[in-house]
mmCIF file of all heavy atoms, coordinates in Angstrom:
data_MODEL
# 
_entry.id   MODEL 
# 
loop_
_atom_site.group_PDB 
_atom_site.id 
_atom_site.type_symbol 
_atom_site.label_atom_id 
_atom_site.label_alt_id 
_atom_site.label_comp_id 
_atom_site.label_asym_id 
_atom_site.label_entity_id 
_atom_site.label_seq_id 
_atom_site.pdbx_PDB_ins_code 
_atom_site.Cartn_x 
_atom_site.Cartn_y 
_atom_site.Cartn_z 
_atom_site.occupancy 
_atom_site.B_iso_or_equiv 
_atom_site.pdbx_formal_charge 
_atom_site.auth_seq_id 
_atom_site.auth_comp_id 
_atom_site.auth_asym_id 
_atom_site.auth_atom_id 
_atom_site.pdbx_PDB_model_num 
ATOM 1   N N   . GLN A 1 1  ? -1.229  5.516  -3.944 1.00 0.00 ? 1  GLN A N   1 
ATOM 2   C CA  . GLN A 1 1  ? -1.785  5.224  -2.620 1.00 0.00 ? 1  GLN A CA  1 
ATOM 3   C C   . GLN A 1 1  ? -3.004  6.093  -2.333 1.00 0.00 ? 1  GLN A C   1 
ATOM 4   O O   . GLN A 1 1  ? -4.020  5.619  -1.822 1.00 0.00 ? 1  GLN A O   1 
ATOM 5   C CB  . GLN A 1 1  ? -0.733  5.448  -1.531 1.00 0.00 ? 1  GLN A CB  1 
ATOM 6   C CG  . GLN A 1 1  ? -1.279  5.216  -0.109 1.00 0.00 ? 1  GLN A CG  1 
ATOM 7   C CD  . GLN A 1 1  ? -0.243  5.421  0.970  1.00 0.00 ? 1  GLN A CD  1 
ATOM 8   O OE1 . GLN A 1 1  ? 0.927   5.102  0.766  1.00 0.00 ? 1  GLN A OE1 1 
ATOM 9   N NE2 . GLN A 1 1  ? -0.677  5.942  2.122  1.00 0.00 ? 1  GLN A NE2 1 
ATOM 10  N N   . ILE A 1 2  ? -2.919  7.379  -2.662 1.00 0.00 ? 2  ILE A N   1 
ATOM 11  C CA  . ILE A 1 2  ? -4.040  8.293  -2.410 1.00 0.00 ? 2  ILE A CA  1 
ATOM 12  C C   . ILE A 1 2  ? -5.263  7.860  -3.213 1.00 0.00 ? 2  ILE A C   1 
ATOM 13  O O   . ILE A 1 2  ? -6.384  7.778  -2.688 1.00 0.00 ? 2  ILE A O   1 
ATOM 14  C CB  . ILE A 1 2  ? -3.636  9.736  -2.760 1.00 0.00 ? 2  ILE A CB  1 
ATOM 15  C CG1 . ILE A 1 2  ? -2.535  10.218 -1.809 1.00 0.00 ? 2  ILE A CG1 1 
ATOM 16  C CG2 . ILE A 1 2  ? -4.837  10.668 -2.697 1.00 0.00 ? 2  ILE A CG2 1 
ATOM 17  C CD1 . ILE A 1 2  ? -1.912  11.538 -2.190 1.00 0.00 ? 2  ILE A CD1 1 
ATOM 18  N N   . ILE A 1 3  ? -5.053  7.559  -4.488 1.00 0.00 ? 3  ILE A N   1 
ATOM 19  C CA  . ILE A 1 3  ? -6.166  7.157  -5.358 1.00 0.00 ? 3  ILE A CA  1 
ATOM 20  C C   . ILE A 1 3  ? -6.798  5.866  -4.878 1.00 0.00 ? 3  ILE A C   1 
ATOM 21  O O   . ILE A 1 3  ? -8.034  5.766  -4.751 1.00 0.00 ? 3  ILE A O   1 
ATOM 22  C CB  . ILE A 1 3  ? -5.676  7.029  -6.816 1.00 0.00 ? 3  ILE A CB  1 
ATOM 23  C CG1 . ILE A 1 3  ? -5.261  8.388  -7.365 1.00 0.00 ? 3  ILE A CG1 1 
ATOM 24  C CG2 . ILE A 1 3  ? -6.763  6.406  -7.697 1.00 0.00 ? 3  ILE A CG2 1 
ATOM 25  C CD1 . ILE A 1 3  ? -4.470  8.309  -8.660 1.00 0.00 ? 3  ILE A CD1 1 
ATOM 26  N N   . SER A 1 4  ? -5.986  4.868  -4.575 1.00 0.00 ? 4  SER A N   1 
ATOM 27  C CA  . SER A 1 4  ? -6.535  3.576  -4.157 1.00 0.00 ? 4  SER A CA  1 
ATOM 28  C C   . SER A 1 4  ? -7.229  3.680  -2.809 1.00 0.00 ? 4  SER A C   1 
ATOM 29  O O   . SER A 1 4  ? -8.241  3.012  -2.567 1.00 0.00 ? 4  SER A O   1 
ATOM 30  C CB  . SER A 1 4  ? -5.420  2.523  -4.097 1.00 0.00 ? 4  SER A CB  1 
ATOM 31  O OG  . SER A 1 4  ? -4.432  2.874  -3.142 1.00 0.00 ? 4  SER A OG  1 
ATOM 32  N N   . SER A 1 5  ? -6.726  4.528  -1.915 1.00 0.00 ? 5  SER A N   1 
ATOM 33  C CA  . SER A 1 5  ? -7.355  4.709  -0.603 1.00 0.00 ? 5  SER A CA  1 
ATOM 34  C C   . SER A 1 5  ? -8.757  5.285  -0.744 1.00 0.00 ? 5  SER A C   1 
ATOM 35  O O   . SER A 1 5  ? -9.704  4.853  -0.071 1.00 0.00 ? 5  SER A O   1 
ATOM 36  C CB  . SER A 1 5  ? -6.499  5.629  0.275  1.00 0.00 ? 5  SER A CB  1 
ATOM 37  O OG  . SER A 1 5  ? -5.247  5.047  0.559  1.00 0.00 ? 5  SER A OG  1 
ATOM 38  N N   . VAL A 1 6  ? -8.909  6.281  -1.608 1.00 0.00 ? 6  VAL A N   1 
ATOM 39  C CA  . VAL A 1 6  ? -10.220 6.888  -1.817 1.00 0.00 ? 6  VAL A CA  1 
ATOM 40  C C   . VAL A 1 6  ? -11.169 5.895  -2.486 1.00 0.00 ? 6  VAL A C   1 
ATOM 41  O O   . VAL A 1 6  ? -12.329 5.730  -2.064 1.00 0.00 ? 6  VAL A O   1 
ATOM 42  C CB  . VAL A 1 6  ? -10.097 8.177  -2.658 1.00 0.00 ? 6  VAL A CB  1 
ATOM 43  C CG1 . VAL A 1 6  ? -11.482 8.717  -3.018 1.00 0.00 ? 6  VAL A CG1 1 
ATOM 44  C CG2 . VAL A 1 6  ? -9.301  9.236  -1.892 1.00 0.00 ? 6  VAL A CG2 1 
ATOM 45  N N   . LYS A 1 7  ? -10.701 5.203  -3.527 1.00 0.00 ? 7  LYS A N   1 
ATOM 46  C CA  . LYS A 1 7  ? -11.551 4.230  -4.219 1.00 0.00 ? 7  LYS A CA  1 
ATOM 47  C C   . LYS A 1 7  ? -12.034 3.146  -3.254 1.00 0.00 ? 7  LYS A C   1 
ATOM 48  O O   . LYS A 1 7  ? -13.203 2.751  -3.267 1.00 0.00 ? 7  LYS A O   1 
ATOM 49  C CB  . LYS A 1 7  ? -10.778 3.580  -5.367 1.00 0.00 ? 7  LYS A CB  1 
ATOM 50  C CG  . LYS A 1 7  ? -10.539 4.468  -6.571 1.00 0.00 ? 7  LYS A CG  1 
ATOM 51  C CD  . LYS A 1 7  ? -9.791  3.682  -7.646 1.00 0.00 ? 7  LYS A CD  1 
ATOM 52  C CE  . LYS A 1 7  ? -9.569  4.502  -8.900 1.00 0.00 ? 7  LYS A CE  1 
ATOM 53  N NZ  . LYS A 1 7  ? -8.839  3.733  -9.936 1.00 0.00 ? 7  LYS A NZ  1 
ATOM 54  N N   . ARG A 1 8  ? -11.127 2.663  -2.430 1.00 0.00 ? 8  ARG A N   1 
ATOM 55  C CA  . ARG A 1 8  ? -11.444 1.563  -1.530 1.00 0.00 ? 8  ARG A CA  1 
ATOM 56  C C   . ARG A 1 8  ? -12.451 1.982  -0.452 1.00 0.00 ? 8  ARG A C   1 
ATOM 57  O O   . ARG A 1 8  ? -13.300 1.197  -0.031 1.00 0.00 ? 8  ARG A O   1 
ATOM 58  C CB  . ARG A 1 8  ? -10.162 1.054  -0.876 1.00 0.00 ? 8  ARG A CB  1 
ATOM 59  C CG  . ARG A 1 8  ? -10.347 -0.175 0.007  1.00 0.00 ? 8  ARG A CG  1 
ATOM 60  C CD  . ARG A 1 8  ? -9.011  -0.742 0.439  1.00 0.00 ? 8  ARG A CD  1 
ATOM 61  N NE  . ARG A 1 8  ? -8.179  0.238  1.133  1.00 0.00 ? 8  ARG A NE  1 
ATOM 62  C CZ  . ARG A 1 8  ? -7.079  0.770  0.596  1.00 0.00 ? 8  ARG A CZ  1 
ATOM 63  N NH1 . ARG A 1 8  ? -6.705  0.444  -0.632 1.00 0.00 ? 8  ARG A NH1 1 
ATOM 64  N NH2 . ARG A 1 8  ? -6.369  1.641  1.297  1.00 0.00 ? 8  ARG A NH2 1 
ATOM 65  N N   . ALA A 1 9  ? -12.371 3.243  -0.014 1.00 0.00 ? 9  ALA A N   1 
ATOM 66  C CA  . ALA A 1 9  ? -13.184 3.668  1.130  1.00 0.00 ? 9  ALA A CA  1 
ATOM 67  C C   . ALA A 1 9  ? -14.544 4.230  0.746  1.00 0.00 ? 9  ALA A C   1 
ATOM 68  O O   . ALA A 1 9  ? -15.461 4.257  1.570  1.00 0.00 ? 9  ALA A O   1 
ATOM 69  C CB  . ALA A 1 9  ? -12.418 4.713  1.943  1.00 0.00 ? 9  ALA A CB  1 
ATOM 70  N N   . CYS A 1 10 ? -14.709 4.677  -0.497 1.00 0.00 ? 10 CYS A N   1 
ATOM 71  C CA  . CYS A 1 10 ? -15.999 5.265  -0.892 1.00 0.00 ? 10 CYS A CA  1 
ATOM 72  C C   . CYS A 1 10 ? -17.069 4.180  -0.995 1.00 0.00 ? 10 CYS A C   1 
ATOM 73  O O   . CYS A 1 10 ? -16.812 3.051  -1.428 1.00 0.00 ? 10 CYS A O   1 
ATOM 74  C CB  . CYS A 1 10 ? -15.876 5.990  -2.228 1.00 0.00 ? 10 CYS A CB  1 
ATOM 75  S SG  . CYS A 1 10 ? -15.120 7.623  -2.091 1.00 0.00 ? 10 CYS A SG  1 
ATOM 76  N N   . SER A 1 11 ? -18.274 4.516  -0.604 1.00 0.00 ? 11 SER A N   1 
ATOM 77  C CA  . SER A 1 11 ? -19.390 3.565  -0.640 1.00 0.00 ? 11 SER A CA  1 
ATOM 78  C C   . SER A 1 11 ? -20.699 4.332  -0.713 1.00 0.00 ? 11 SER A C   1 
ATOM 79  O O   . SER A 1 11 ? -20.822 5.429  -0.153 1.00 0.00 ? 11 SER A O   1 
ATOM 80  C CB  . SER A 1 11 ? -19.375 2.687  0.612  1.00 0.00 ? 11 SER A CB  1 
ATOM 81  O OG  . SER A 1 11 ? -20.589 1.980  0.744  1.00 0.00 ? 11 SER A OG  1 
ATOM 82  N N   . GLU A 1 12 ? -21.692 3.736  -1.364 1.00 0.00 ? 12 GLU A N   1 
ATOM 83  C CA  . GLU A 1 12 ? -22.995 4.395  -1.435 1.00 0.00 ? 12 GLU A CA  1 
ATOM 84  C C   . GLU A 1 12 ? -23.740 4.310  -0.113 1.00 0.00 ? 12 GLU A C   1 
ATOM 85  O O   . GLU A 1 12 ? -24.786 4.933  0.055  1.00 0.00 ? 12 GLU A O   1 
ATOM 86  C CB  . GLU A 1 12 ? -23.838 3.772  -2.551 1.00 0.00 ? 12 GLU A CB  1 
ATOM 87  C CG  . GLU A 1 12 ? -24.212 2.322  -2.323 1.00 0.00 ? 12 GLU A CG  1 
ATOM 88  C CD  . GLU A 1 12 ? -25.047 1.755  -3.457 1.00 0.00 ? 12 GLU A CD  1 
ATOM 89  O OE1 . GLU A 1 12 ? -25.026 2.330  -4.555 1.00 0.00 ? 12 GLU A OE1 1 
ATOM 90  O OE2 . GLU A 1 12 ? -25.728 0.750  -3.225 1.00 0.00 ? 12 GLU A OE2 1 
ATOM 91  N N   . ASN A 1 13 ? -23.209 3.550  0.834  1.00 0.00 ? 13 ASN A N   1 
ATOM 92  C CA  . ASN A 1 13 ? -23.871 3.396  2.128  1.00 0.00 ? 13 ASN A CA  1 
ATOM 93  C C   . ASN A 1 13 ? -23.277 4.302  3.208  1.00 0.00 ? 13 ASN A C   1 
ATOM 94  O O   . ASN A 1 13 ? -23.430 4.042  4.400  1.00 0.00 ? 13 ASN A O   1 
ATOM 95  C CB  . ASN A 1 13 ? -23.802 1.929  2.577  1.00 0.00 ? 13 ASN A CB  1 
ATOM 96  C CG  . ASN A 1 13 ? -24.621 1.026  1.683  1.00 0.00 ? 13 ASN A CG  1 
ATOM 97  O OD1 . ASN A 1 13 ? -25.730 1.374  1.289  1.00 0.00 ? 13 ASN A OD1 1 
ATOM 98  N ND2 . ASN A 1 13 ? -24.065 -0.122 1.338  1.00 0.00 ? 13 ASN A ND2 1 
ATOM 99  N N   . GLN A 1 14 ? -22.591 5.338  2.806  1.00 0.00 ? 14 GLN A N   1 
ATOM 100 C CA  . GLN A 1 14 ? -22.078 6.314  3.750  1.00 0.00 ? 14 GLN A CA  1 
ATOM 101 C C   . GLN A 1 14 ? -22.089 7.686  3.065  1.00 0.00 ? 14 GLN A C   1 
ATOM 102 O O   . GLN A 1 14 ? -22.511 7.813  1.914  1.00 0.00 ? 14 GLN A O   1 
ATOM 103 C CB  . GLN A 1 14 ? -20.669 5.952  4.205  1.00 0.00 ? 14 GLN A CB  1 
ATOM 104 C CG  . GLN A 1 14 ? -19.651 5.913  3.073  1.00 0.00 ? 14 GLN A CG  1 
ATOM 105 C CD  . GLN A 1 14 ? -18.295 5.430  3.531  1.00 0.00 ? 14 GLN A CD  1 
ATOM 106 O OE1 . GLN A 1 14 ? -18.167 4.775  4.554  1.00 0.00 ? 14 GLN A OE1 1 
ATOM 107 N NE2 . GLN A 1 14 ? -17.265 5.764  2.777  1.00 0.00 ? 14 GLN A NE2 1 
ATOM 108 N N   . TYR A 1 15 ? -21.635 8.696  3.792  1.00 0.00 ? 15 TYR A N   1 
ATOM 109 C CA  . TYR A 1 15 ? -21.715 10.050 3.244  1.00 0.00 ? 15 TYR A CA  1 
ATOM 110 C C   . TYR A 1 15 ? -20.513 10.428 2.402  1.00 0.00 ? 15 TYR A C   1 
ATOM 111 O O   . TYR A 1 15 ? -20.538 11.426 1.700  1.00 0.00 ? 15 TYR A O   1 
ATOM 112 C CB  . TYR A 1 15 ? -21.910 11.063 4.378  1.00 0.00 ? 15 TYR A CB  1 
ATOM 113 C CG  . TYR A 1 15 ? -23.254 10.910 5.052  1.00 0.00 ? 15 TYR A CG  1 
ATOM 114 C CD1 . TYR A 1 15 ? -23.350 10.751 6.426  1.00 0.00 ? 15 TYR A CD1 1 
ATOM 115 C CD2 . TYR A 1 15 ? -24.423 10.887 4.297  1.00 0.00 ? 15 TYR A CD2 1 
ATOM 116 C CE1 . TYR A 1 15 ? -24.589 10.598 7.038  1.00 0.00 ? 15 TYR A CE1 1 
ATOM 117 C CE2 . TYR A 1 15 ? -25.661 10.728 4.901  1.00 0.00 ? 15 TYR A CE2 1 
ATOM 118 C CZ  . TYR A 1 15 ? -25.738 10.585 6.276  1.00 0.00 ? 15 TYR A CZ  1 
ATOM 119 O OH  . TYR A 1 15 ? -26.951 10.412 6.873  1.00 0.00 ? 15 TYR A OH  1 
ATOM 120 N N   . ASN A 1 16 ? -19.433 9.666  2.453  1.00 0.00 ? 16 ASN A N   1 
ATOM 121 C CA  . ASN A 1 16 ? -18.264 9.884  1.593  1.00 0.00 ? 16 ASN A CA  1 
ATOM 122 C C   . ASN A 1 16 ? -17.677 11.287 1.733  1.00 0.00 ? 16 ASN A C   1 
ATOM 123 O O   . ASN A 1 16 ? -17.508 12.019 0.752  1.00 0.00 ? 16 ASN A O   1 
ATOM 124 C CB  . ASN A 1 16 ? -18.619 9.609  0.129  1.00 0.00 ? 16 ASN A CB  1 
ATOM 125 C CG  . ASN A 1 16 ? -19.034 8.161  -0.085 1.00 0.00 ? 16 ASN A CG  1 
ATOM 126 O OD1 . ASN A 1 16 ? -18.365 7.241  0.362  1.00 0.00 ? 16 ASN A OD1 1 
ATOM 127 N ND2 . ASN A 1 16 ? -20.164 7.979  -0.753 1.00 0.00 ? 16 ASN A ND2 1 
ATOM 128 N N   . ILE A 1 17 ? -17.419 11.663 2.982  1.00 0.00 ? 17 ILE A N   1 
ATOM 129 C CA  . ILE A 1 17 ? -16.725 12.916 3.245  1.00 0.00 ? 17 ILE A CA  1 
ATOM 130 C C   . ILE A 1 17 ? -15.233 12.588 3.269  1.00 0.00 ? 17 ILE A C   1 
ATOM 131 O O   . ILE A 1 17 ? -14.740 11.899 4.162  1.00 0.00 ? 17 ILE A O   1 
ATOM 132 C CB  . ILE A 1 17 ? -17.190 13.544 4.567  1.00 0.00 ? 17 ILE A CB  1 
ATOM 133 C CG1 . ILE A 1 17 ? -18.694 13.882 4.458  1.00 0.00 ? 17 ILE A CG1 1 
ATOM 134 C CG2 . ILE A 1 17 ? -16.376 14.798 4.895  1.00 0.00 ? 17 ILE A CG2 1 
ATOM 135 C CD1 . ILE A 1 17 ? -19.308 14.424 5.722  1.00 0.00 ? 17 ILE A CD1 1 
ATOM 136 N N   . VAL A 1 18 ? -14.538 13.051 2.239  1.00 0.00 ? 18 VAL A N   1 
ATOM 137 C CA  . VAL A 1 18 ? -13.169 12.629 1.981  1.00 0.00 ? 18 VAL A CA  1 
ATOM 138 C C   . VAL A 1 18 ? -12.173 13.599 2.616  1.00 0.00 ? 18 VAL A C   1 
ATOM 139 O O   . VAL A 1 18 ? -12.226 14.810 2.372  1.00 0.00 ? 18 VAL A O   1 
ATOM 140 C CB  . VAL A 1 18 ? -12.897 12.539 0.461  1.00 0.00 ? 18 VAL A CB  1 
ATOM 141 C CG1 . VAL A 1 18 ? -11.485 12.006 0.206  1.00 0.00 ? 18 VAL A CG1 1 
ATOM 142 C CG2 . VAL A 1 18 ? -13.937 11.644 -0.217 1.00 0.00 ? 18 VAL A CG2 1 
ATOM 143 N N   . LEU A 1 19 ? -11.263 13.049 3.429  1.00 0.00 ? 19 LEU A N   1 
ATOM 144 C CA  . LEU A 1 19 ? -10.213 13.856 4.041  1.00 0.00 ? 19 LEU A CA  1 
ATOM 145 C C   . LEU A 1 19 ? -9.017  13.950 3.094  1.00 0.00 ? 19 LEU A C   1 
ATOM 146 O O   . LEU A 1 19 ? -8.399  12.947 2.745  1.00 0.00 ? 19 LEU A O   1 
ATOM 147 C CB  . LEU A 1 19 ? -9.758  13.241 5.362  1.00 0.00 ? 19 LEU A CB  1 
ATOM 148 C CG  . LEU A 1 19 ? -8.571  13.919 6.042  1.00 0.00 ? 19 LEU A CG  1 
ATOM 149 C CD1 . LEU A 1 19 ? -8.928  15.344 6.463  1.00 0.00 ? 19 LEU A CD1 1 
ATOM 150 C CD2 . LEU A 1 19 ? -8.076  13.102 7.231  1.00 0.00 ? 19 LEU A CD2 1 
ATOM 151 N N   . MET A 1 20 ? -8.702  15.183 2.689  1.00 0.00 ? 20 MET A N   1 
ATOM 152 C CA  . MET A 1 20 ? -7.526  15.452 1.866  1.00 0.00 ? 20 MET A CA  1 
ATOM 153 C C   . MET A 1 20 ? -6.885  16.732 2.385  1.00 0.00 ? 20 MET A C   1 
ATOM 154 O O   . MET A 1 20 ? -7.435  17.396 3.273  1.00 0.00 ? 20 MET A O   1 
ATOM 155 C CB  . MET A 1 20 ? -7.923  15.597 0.385  1.00 0.00 ? 20 MET A CB  1 
ATOM 156 C CG  . MET A 1 20 ? -8.725  14.426 -0.147 1.00 0.00 ? 20 MET A CG  1 
ATOM 157 S SD  . MET A 1 20 ? -9.263  14.619 -1.871 1.00 0.00 ? 20 MET A SD  1 
ATOM 158 C CE  . MET A 1 20 ? -7.828  13.928 -2.698 1.00 0.00 ? 20 MET A CE  1 
ATOM 159 N N   . HIS A 1 21 ? -5.715  17.077 1.821  1.00 0.00 ? 21 HIS A N   1 
ATOM 160 C CA  . HIS A 1 21 ? -4.998  18.264 2.278  1.00 0.00 ? 21 HIS A CA  1 
ATOM 161 C C   . HIS A 1 21 ? -4.453  19.042 1.087  1.00 0.00 ? 21 HIS A C   1 
ATOM 162 O O   . HIS A 1 21 ? -4.142  18.445 0.044  1.00 0.00 ? 21 HIS A O   1 
ATOM 163 C CB  . HIS A 1 21 ? -3.850  17.878 3.214  1.00 0.00 ? 21 HIS A CB  1 
ATOM 164 C CG  . HIS A 1 21 ? -4.317  17.236 4.485  1.00 0.00 ? 21 HIS A CG  1 
ATOM 165 N ND1 . HIS A 1 21 ? -4.731  15.918 4.545  1.00 0.00 ? 21 HIS A ND1 1 
ATOM 166 C CD2 . HIS A 1 21 ? -4.447  17.734 5.741  1.00 0.00 ? 21 HIS A CD2 1 
ATOM 167 C CE1 . HIS A 1 21 ? -5.089  15.630 5.783  1.00 0.00 ? 21 HIS A CE1 1 
ATOM 168 N NE2 . HIS A 1 21 ? -4.930  16.719 6.530  1.00 0.00 ? 21 HIS A NE2 1 
ATOM 169 N N   . ASP A 1 22 ? -4.360  20.373 1.259  1.00 0.00 ? 22 ASP A N   1 
ATOM 170 C CA  . ASP A 1 22 ? -3.815  21.201 0.168  1.00 0.00 ? 22 ASP A CA  1 
ATOM 171 C C   . ASP A 1 22 ? -2.725  22.144 0.665  1.00 0.00 ? 22 ASP A C   1 
ATOM 172 O O   . ASP A 1 22 ? -2.561  23.254 0.156  1.00 0.00 ? 22 ASP A O   1 
ATOM 173 C CB  . ASP A 1 22 ? -4.925  21.983 -0.545 1.00 0.00 ? 22 ASP A CB  1 
ATOM 174 C CG  . ASP A 1 22 ? -5.644  22.975 0.369  1.00 0.00 ? 22 ASP A CG  1 
ATOM 175 O OD1 . ASP A 1 22 ? -5.728  22.723 1.586  1.00 0.00 ? 22 ASP A OD1 1 
ATOM 176 O OD2 . ASP A 1 22 ? -6.142  24.000 -0.131 1.00 0.00 ? 22 ASP A OD2 1 
ATOM 177 N N   . SER A 1 23 ? -1.963  21.683 1.659  1.00 0.00 ? 23 SER A N   1 
ATOM 178 C CA  . SER A 1 23 ? -0.801  22.458 2.093  1.00 0.00 ? 23 SER A CA  1 
ATOM 179 C C   . SER A 1 23 ? 0.330   22.250 1.096  1.00 0.00 ? 23 SER A C   1 
ATOM 180 O O   . SER A 1 23 ? 0.246   21.417 0.183  1.00 0.00 ? 23 SER A O   1 
ATOM 181 C CB  . SER A 1 23 ? -0.363  22.016 3.495  1.00 0.00 ? 23 SER A CB  1 
ATOM 182 O OG  . SER A 1 23 ? -0.044  20.640 3.497  1.00 0.00 ? 23 SER A OG  1 
ATOM 183 N N   . ASP A 1 24 ? 1.412   23.002 1.262  1.00 0.00 ? 24 ASP A N   1 
ATOM 184 C CA  . ASP A 1 24 ? 2.515   22.960 0.290  1.00 0.00 ? 24 ASP A CA  1 
ATOM 185 C C   . ASP A 1 24 ? 3.101   21.566 0.120  1.00 0.00 ? 24 ASP A C   1 
ATOM 186 O O   . ASP A 1 24 ? 3.574   21.213 -0.967 1.00 0.00 ? 24 ASP A O   1 
ATOM 187 C CB  . ASP A 1 24 ? 3.625   23.927 0.723  1.00 0.00 ? 24 ASP A CB  1 
ATOM 188 C CG  . ASP A 1 24 ? 3.242   25.387 0.493  1.00 0.00 ? 24 ASP A CG  1 
ATOM 189 O OD1 . ASP A 1 24 ? 2.424   25.640 -0.418 1.00 0.00 ? 24 ASP A OD1 1 
ATOM 190 O OD2 . ASP A 1 24 ? 3.736   26.252 1.227  1.00 0.00 ? 24 ASP A OD2 1 
# 
């Protein structure tokens, strides 16, 4: 789900600031 969400949302027509988390 995480991988497909990022692939689907990235585009060359935006800045592609990706929200992720690194908590436990």
